[in-house]
């Protein structure tokens, strides 16, 4: 039955304006209100449903592959940073 109704809507929709010209135009504000009401009802019935749908679409969390790093920090730069931080070693003011 649903397939038949869907085909009827597709055929009527593809016919262009002569087929649908006699139908009254729906009020856009009322349509938005109906959509809002349906969303509110679905949320009231199952508040966590949207979160489950998001989690179902995520890939499974397994072991992550290691990333090959092609850039390195020169050791002398690390030594400079250690010396600069050495002066403030007593103050642990890291962000």
Protein backbone atom coordinates (compact mmCIF):
# COMPACT_ATOMS: atom_id res chain seq x y z
CA UNK A 1 0.00 0.00 0.00
CA UNK A 2 2.82 2.40 0.87
CA UNK A 3 4.57 1.71 -2.43
CA UNK A 4 1.38 2.44 -4.33
CA UNK A 5 0.86 5.70 -2.46
CA UNK A 6 4.47 6.68 -3.03
CA UNK A 7 4.17 6.00 -6.77
CA UNK A 8 0.96 8.00 -6.93
CA UNK A 9 2.67 10.97 -5.27
CA UNK A 10 5.66 10.70 -7.58
CA UNK A 11 3.52 10.52 -10.71
CA UNK A 12 1.29 13.37 -9.55
CA UNK A 13 4.30 15.44 -8.56
CA UNK A 14 6.10 14.88 -11.85
CA UNK A 15 3.04 15.85 -13.86
CA UNK A 16 3.78 19.52 -13.36
CA UNK A 17 1.43 22.37 -12.65
CA UNK A 18 -1.65 21.27 -14.68
CA UNK A 19 -2.26 18.25 -12.41
CA UNK A 20 -1.82 20.14 -9.16
CA UNK A 21 -3.10 23.55 -10.21
CA UNK A 22 -6.56 23.11 -8.67
CA UNK A 23 -5.29 22.15 -5.21
CA UNK A 24 -5.18 24.80 -2.50
CA UNK A 25 -1.74 25.86 -1.31
CA UNK A 26 -0.96 24.82 2.27
CA UNK A 27 -0.20 27.42 4.89
CA UNK A 28 3.56 27.30 5.50
CA UNK A 29 3.22 28.44 9.09
CA UNK A 30 0.79 25.63 9.86
CA UNK A 31 3.09 23.09 8.22
CA UNK A 32 6.00 24.32 10.32
CA UNK A 33 3.85 24.05 13.45
CA UNK A 34 2.89 20.48 12.61
CA UNK A 35 6.56 19.58 12.06
CA UNK A 36 7.49 21.21 15.36
CA UNK A 37 4.75 19.32 17.16
CA UNK A 38 5.87 16.01 15.65
CA UNK A 39 9.47 16.67 16.70
CA UNK A 40 8.36 17.61 20.23
CA UNK A 41 6.24 14.47 20.50
CA UNK A 42 9.11 12.27 19.31
CA UNK A 43 11.43 13.93 21.82
CA UNK A 44 8.92 13.52 24.65
CA UNK A 45 8.50 9.82 23.86
CA UNK A 46 12.23 9.05 23.61
CA UNK A 47 14.55 11.86 24.75
CA UNK A 48 17.74 9.86 24.17
CA UNK A 49 16.76 8.58 20.72
CA UNK A 50 18.73 11.19 18.82
CA UNK A 51 21.89 10.43 20.77
CA UNK A 52 21.57 6.71 20.03
CA UNK A 53 21.27 7.48 16.34
CA UNK A 54 24.47 9.56 16.44
CA UNK A 55 26.33 6.81 18.31
CA UNK A 56 25.11 4.14 15.89
CA UNK A 57 26.61 6.04 12.97
CA UNK A 58 30.08 6.30 14.51
CA UNK A 59 32.74 3.79 13.53
CA UNK A 60 33.62 1.30 16.24
CA UNK A 61 36.36 2.40 18.59
CA UNK A 62 39.15 -0.07 18.19
CA UNK A 63 42.87 0.24 18.30
CA UNK A 64 44.04 3.20 16.32
CA UNK A 65 46.79 2.78 13.80
CA UNK A 66 50.03 4.59 14.58
CA UNK A 67 50.73 7.69 12.55
CA UNK A 68 54.09 8.00 10.88
CA UNK A 69 55.58 11.37 11.81
CA UNK A 70 57.85 12.92 9.19
CA UNK A 71 58.90 16.04 11.08
CA UNK A 72 60.96 16.18 14.25
CA UNK A 73 61.99 18.84 16.73
CA UNK A 74 65.75 19.45 16.90
CA UNK A 75 67.27 18.48 20.26
CA UNK A 76 68.93 21.89 20.73
CA UNK A 77 65.52 23.57 20.64
CA UNK A 78 64.26 21.21 23.34
CA UNK A 79 67.34 22.03 25.44
CA UNK A 80 66.65 25.76 25.05
CA UNK A 81 63.06 25.26 26.13
CA UNK A 82 64.17 23.22 29.15
CA UNK A 83 66.59 25.96 30.18
CA UNK A 84 63.91 28.61 29.80
CA UNK A 85 61.49 26.55 31.89
CA UNK A 86 64.22 25.74 34.41
CA UNK A 87 64.10 29.26 35.79
CA UNK A 88 60.40 28.89 36.62
CA UNK A 89 60.64 25.31 37.86
CA UNK A 90 59.40 26.27 41.33
CA UNK A 91 56.36 28.07 39.91
CA UNK A 92 54.06 25.54 38.36
CA UNK A 93 52.04 28.04 36.29
CA UNK A 94 51.28 25.96 33.27
CA UNK A 95 47.98 26.61 31.57
